[in-house]
């Protein structure tokens, strides 16, 4: 029996794996629900400090299964809306999770797989991995918020080439443009992501969650509105226990121990 999804608690982070290797980890209903459930678990469990998304078989995710997309042509418009929003619910859950979410990419990411990888707070990619939006080859358009994400990260001409012509970009190019956190040797993406998760686990949990909220809100807010949001977040942080630990350690030239 094919395994579509698994999740493992590793040290203090949760690992969510797509294991449908026959189609290079194409998206399935099991995966949609599994990621959302895993992110909810991470949000509610104080023992979990980070989440890693990855895929088995040397490839992160090839996106939507074209056989399933073929079947959806015969659905009503409302049914198509509902299916697309299942993917969008994953993007919303990644952004809403108060814990850092890291994607560990081997081989590459395509279509909705690219949407999911880049929606994460940090992206670790193996060298020479390919990132591609192949929707246009099937007469389709990108979803999962990826056009917005790419437009915030890359020059317009680069996004147009990816989305309108399905031209892939190598991880090295995306790293140079600031869209990827780290480039590592082939096969090392998961171990590197685990290292980042371990480092994050030693930081101040509430401050990191607030920083993620500020990052999310900064994408849409005016400067004046964002200054107000930062003011409130900073004022609350100053009165918290994490700040007391951090300032005391700094003044005493010690390493802060938040947990």
Protein backbone atom coordinates (compact mmCIF):
# COMPACT_ATOMS: atom_id res chain seq x y z
CA UNK A 1 0.00 0.00 0.00
CA UNK A 2 1.38 3.42 -0.95
CA UNK A 3 2.07 5.72 1.96
CA UNK A 4 1.03 9.27 1.18
CA UNK A 5 2.03 11.12 4.31
CA UNK A 6 3.77 10.69 7.61
CA UNK A 7 4.80 12.90 10.49
CA UNK A 8 7.60 12.39 13.00
CA UNK A 9 8.43 14.20 16.20
CA UNK A 10 12.20 14.65 16.09
CA UNK A 11 13.79 16.21 19.16
CA UNK A 12 11.75 19.44 19.56
CA UNK A 13 10.47 19.86 16.02
CA UNK A 14 7.78 18.19 13.93
CA UNK A 15 8.70 16.69 10.55
CA UNK A 16 5.96 16.42 7.92
CA UNK A 17 6.84 14.16 4.98
CA UNK A 18 5.20 13.64 1.59
CA UNK A 19 5.94 10.02 0.65
CA UNK A 20 4.04 9.53 -2.62
CA UNK A 21 7.30 8.89 -4.46
CA UNK A 22 5.75 7.23 -7.54
CA UNK A 23 4.71 10.70 -8.77
CA UNK A 24 7.58 12.63 -7.17
CA UNK A 25 5.39 13.43 -4.17
CA UNK A 26 2.44 14.88 -6.07
CA UNK A 27 -0.19 16.40 -3.81
CA UNK A 28 -2.95 14.17 -2.46
CA UNK A 29 -5.95 14.70 -0.15
CA UNK A 30 -4.01 12.82 2.55
CA UNK A 31 -1.16 15.28 2.25
CA UNK A 32 -3.40 18.34 2.40
CA UNK A 33 -5.08 17.18 5.58
CA UNK A 34 -1.89 15.79 7.09
CA UNK A 35 -0.01 19.09 6.80
CA UNK A 36 -2.90 21.11 8.20
CA UNK A 37 -3.30 18.68 11.14
CA UNK A 38 0.45 18.71 11.75
CA UNK A 39 0.65 22.50 11.77
CA UNK A 40 -2.30 22.65 14.16
CA UNK A 41 -0.55 20.17 16.45
CA UNK A 42 2.64 22.24 16.35
CA UNK A 43 0.70 25.41 17.13
CA UNK A 44 -0.92 23.87 20.20
CA UNK A 45 1.97 21.78 21.55
CA UNK A 46 4.47 23.85 23.61
CA UNK A 47 7.05 21.07 23.27
CA UNK A 48 7.28 21.66 19.50
CA UNK A 49 9.39 24.66 18.53
CA UNK A 50 9.57 24.29 14.71
CA UNK A 51 8.14 22.39 11.76
CA UNK A 52 9.98 20.95 8.74
CA UNK A 53 8.24 20.07 5.46
CA UNK A 54 10.00 17.63 3.17
CA UNK A 55 9.53 14.85 0.63
CA UNK A 56 11.03 11.42 0.21
CA UNK A 57 12.67 9.97 -2.87
CA UNK A 58 14.97 12.88 -3.64
CA UNK A 59 12.28 15.38 -4.67
CA UNK A 60 10.31 17.85 -2.59
CA UNK A 61 6.98 17.96 -4.43
CA UNK A 62 5.87 17.90 -8.08
CA UNK A 63 2.64 19.79 -7.37
CA UNK A 64 -0.84 18.76 -8.40
CA UNK A 65 -1.50 15.34 -9.94
CA UNK A 66 -2.58 15.97 -13.56
CA UNK A 67 -4.84 12.91 -13.47
CA UNK A 68 -6.77 14.48 -10.60
CA UNK A 69 -6.79 17.86 -12.36
CA UNK A 70 -8.25 16.18 -15.44
CA UNK A 71 -11.15 14.87 -13.35
CA UNK A 72 -11.80 18.34 -11.93
CA UNK A 73 -12.53 19.72 -15.39
CA UNK A 74 -15.96 18.09 -15.14
CA UNK A 75 -16.72 19.57 -11.71
CA UNK A 76 -18.88 22.60 -11.11
CA UNK A 77 -17.17 25.94 -10.60
CA UNK A 78 -18.02 25.80 -6.89
CA UNK A 79 -16.43 22.35 -6.57
CA UNK A 80 -13.29 23.59 -8.29
CA UNK A 81 -13.15 26.53 -5.87
CA UNK A 82 -13.35 24.12 -2.94
CA UNK A 83 -10.51 21.92 -4.22
CA UNK A 84 -8.20 24.86 -4.90
CA UNK A 85 -8.90 26.23 -1.44
CA UNK A 86 -7.64 22.98 0.09
CA UNK A 87 -4.20 23.95 -1.18
CA UNK A 88 -4.72 27.54 -0.08
CA UNK A 89 -5.62 26.32 3.41
CA UNK A 90 -2.11 24.82 3.64
CA UNK A 91 -0.56 28.17 2.71
CA UNK A 92 -2.74 29.90 5.30
CA UNK A 93 -1.81 27.30 7.93
CA UNK A 94 1.93 27.71 7.26
CA UNK A 95 1.66 31.47 7.69
CA UNK A 96 -0.65 31.25 10.72
CA UNK A 97 1.46 28.70 12.62
CA UNK A 98 3.28 30.60 15.41
CA UNK A 99 6.25 28.25 15.11
CA UNK A 100 8.88 28.68 12.35
CA UNK A 101 8.20 26.45 9.34
CA UNK A 102 11.17 25.26 7.26
CA UNK A 103 11.07 23.54 3.86
CA UNK A 104 13.86 21.07 3.07
CA UNK A 105 14.06 20.74 -0.71
CA UNK A 106 15.91 17.96 -2.52
CA UNK A 107 15.75 17.65 -6.30
CA UNK A 108 13.32 20.49 -6.81
CA UNK A 109 9.79 21.76 -6.40
CA UNK A 110 7.19 22.28 -9.10
CA UNK A 111 3.78 23.94 -9.33
CA UNK A 112 1.94 23.90 -6.03
CA UNK A 113 5.00 22.23 -4.50
CA UNK A 114 6.89 25.46 -5.18
CA UNK A 115 4.02 27.44 -3.62
CA UNK A 116 4.32 25.39 -0.43
CA UNK A 117 8.14 25.49 -0.30
CA UNK A 118 8.33 29.27 -0.67
CA UNK A 119 5.46 29.91 1.75
CA UNK A 120 7.69 28.62 4.56
CA UNK A 121 9.68 30.97 6.77
CA UNK A 122 12.98 29.42 5.72
CA UNK A 123 13.93 27.37 2.65
CA UNK A 124 16.87 24.96 2.65
CA UNK A 125 17.68 23.59 -0.80
CA UNK A 126 20.14 21.08 -2.15
CA UNK A 127 22.43 22.44 -4.84
CA UNK A 128 21.21 22.22 -8.45
CA UNK A 129 17.60 21.70 -7.33
CA UNK A 130 15.14 23.02 -9.93
CA UNK A 131 12.18 25.25 -9.15
CA UNK A 132 9.54 25.46 -11.87
CA UNK A 133 6.00 26.72 -12.50
CA UNK A 134 4.74 24.38 -15.22
CA UNK A 135 1.05 25.40 -15.07
CA UNK A 136 1.10 27.24 -18.39
CA UNK A 137 2.09 24.05 -20.24
CA UNK A 138 -1.33 22.64 -19.34
CA UNK A 139 -3.15 25.91 -20.02
CA UNK A 140 -3.42 26.61 -16.30
CA UNK A 141 -2.40 29.47 -14.01
CA UNK A 142 -0.40 29.36 -10.75
CA UNK A 143 -2.15 29.06 -7.40
CA UNK A 144 -1.10 28.74 -3.78
CA UNK A 145 -0.17 32.42 -3.67
CA UNK A 146 3.05 31.75 -5.56
CA UNK A 147 2.77 34.69 -7.98
CA UNK A 148 2.47 37.08 -5.04
CA UNK A 149 5.31 35.36 -3.18
CA UNK A 150 7.61 35.44 -6.20
CA UNK A 151 6.76 39.06 -7.04
CA UNK A 152 7.86 40.04 -3.53
CA UNK A 153 11.14 38.15 -3.92
CA UNK A 154 12.17 38.40 -7.57
CA UNK A 155 12.28 40.91 -10.44
CA UNK A 156 9.12 41.06 -12.54
CA UNK A 157 10.92 39.82 -15.68
CA UNK A 158 12.16 36.74 -13.82
CA UNK A 159 8.68 35.90 -12.52
CA UNK A 160 7.21 36.38 -16.01
CA UNK A 161 9.73 33.94 -17.48
CA UNK A 162 8.93 31.37 -14.81
CA UNK A 163 5.13 31.72 -14.92
CA UNK A 164 4.49 32.48 -18.62
CA UNK A 165 7.14 30.23 -20.16
CA UNK A 166 7.59 27.56 -17.45
CA UNK A 167 11.33 28.19 -17.38
CA UNK A 168 12.95 26.61 -14.30
CA UNK A 169 15.33 28.41 -11.97
CA UNK A 170 18.12 26.61 -10.18
CA UNK A 171 18.42 26.90 -6.42
CA UNK A 172 21.64 28.87 -6.81
CA UNK A 173 19.85 31.61 -8.76
CA UNK A 174 17.04 31.83 -6.22
CA UNK A 175 19.62 31.98 -3.44
CA UNK A 176 21.38 34.89 -5.15
CA UNK A 177 18.01 36.68 -5.40
CA UNK A 178 17.30 36.14 -1.70
CA UNK A 179 14.47 33.61 -2.02
CA UNK A 180 16.33 30.70 -0.37
CA UNK A 181 17.89 30.61 3.08
CA UNK A 182 20.69 28.11 2.48
CA UNK A 183 22.18 26.04 -0.35
CA UNK A 184 23.68 22.71 0.75
CA UNK A 185 25.17 19.60 -0.83
CA UNK A 186 22.81 17.08 -2.40
CA UNK A 187 21.27 14.90 0.28
CA UNK A 188 21.99 17.36 3.09
CA UNK A 189 18.84 19.50 3.02
CA UNK A 190 17.04 17.64 5.81
CA UNK A 191 20.02 17.56 8.16
CA UNK A 192 20.59 21.29 7.60
CA UNK A 193 16.91 22.02 8.24
CA UNK A 194 17.14 20.01 11.45
CA UNK A 195 20.14 22.10 12.47
CA UNK A 196 18.15 25.30 11.94
CA UNK A 197 15.24 23.84 13.90
CA UNK A 198 17.58 22.92 16.76
CA UNK A 199 19.02 26.43 16.82
CA UNK A 200 15.55 27.97 16.78
CA UNK A 201 14.54 25.75 19.70
CA UNK A 202 17.02 27.58 21.94
CA UNK A 203 15.50 30.99 21.19
CA UNK A 204 12.69 32.90 22.91
CA UNK A 205 9.49 31.22 21.74
CA UNK A 206 7.15 34.18 22.26
CA UNK A 207 9.50 36.66 20.62
CA UNK A 208 9.95 34.39 17.58
CA UNK A 209 6.17 33.99 17.25
CA UNK A 210 5.74 37.77 17.42
CA UNK A 211 8.45 38.29 14.81
CA UNK A 212 6.65 35.89 12.47
CA UNK A 213 3.40 37.81 12.97
CA UNK A 214 5.17 41.09 12.22
CA UNK A 215 6.70 39.64 9.07
CA UNK A 216 3.29 38.43 7.86
CA UNK A 217 1.59 41.74 8.55
CA UNK A 218 4.41 43.80 7.02
CA UNK A 219 3.57 42.41 3.58
CA UNK A 220 0.27 44.34 3.43
CA UNK A 221 0.41 47.11 6.02
CA UNK A 222 1.29 50.75 5.46
CA UNK A 223 4.39 51.97 7.27
CA UNK A 224 2.29 53.93 9.75
CA UNK A 225 0.09 50.94 10.56
CA UNK A 226 3.12 48.68 10.86
CA UNK A 227 4.87 51.08 13.23
CA UNK A 228 1.82 50.84 15.50
CA UNK A 229 1.90 47.05 15.32
CA UNK A 230 5.61 46.95 16.14
CA UNK A 231 5.07 49.39 19.00
CA UNK A 232 2.50 47.11 20.61
CA UNK A 233 4.60 43.98 20.08
CA UNK A 234 7.72 45.63 21.51
CA UNK A 235 5.88 47.05 24.52
CA UNK A 236 4.47 43.63 25.35
CA UNK A 237 7.84 41.95 24.86
CA UNK A 238 9.54 44.41 27.22
CA UNK A 239 7.25 43.30 30.02
CA UNK A 240 7.73 39.59 29.41
CA UNK A 241 9.88 36.99 31.11
CA UNK A 242 11.92 36.26 27.98
CA UNK A 243 13.21 39.82 27.88
CA UNK A 244 14.21 39.62 31.54
CA UNK A 245 16.27 36.50 30.79
CA UNK A 246 17.79 37.98 27.64
CA UNK A 247 18.76 41.35 29.09
CA UNK A 248 20.18 39.79 32.27
CA UNK A 249 22.32 37.38 30.23
CA UNK A 250 23.54 40.19 27.97
CA UNK A 251 24.53 42.43 30.85
CA UNK A 252 26.35 39.56 32.55
CA UNK A 253 28.03 38.50 29.27
CA UNK A 254 26.34 35.11 29.37
CA UNK A 255 24.43 33.04 26.82
CA UNK A 256 20.68 33.36 27.48
CA UNK A 257 18.83 30.14 28.30
CA UNK A 258 15.19 30.65 27.38
CA UNK A 259 13.99 27.05 27.90
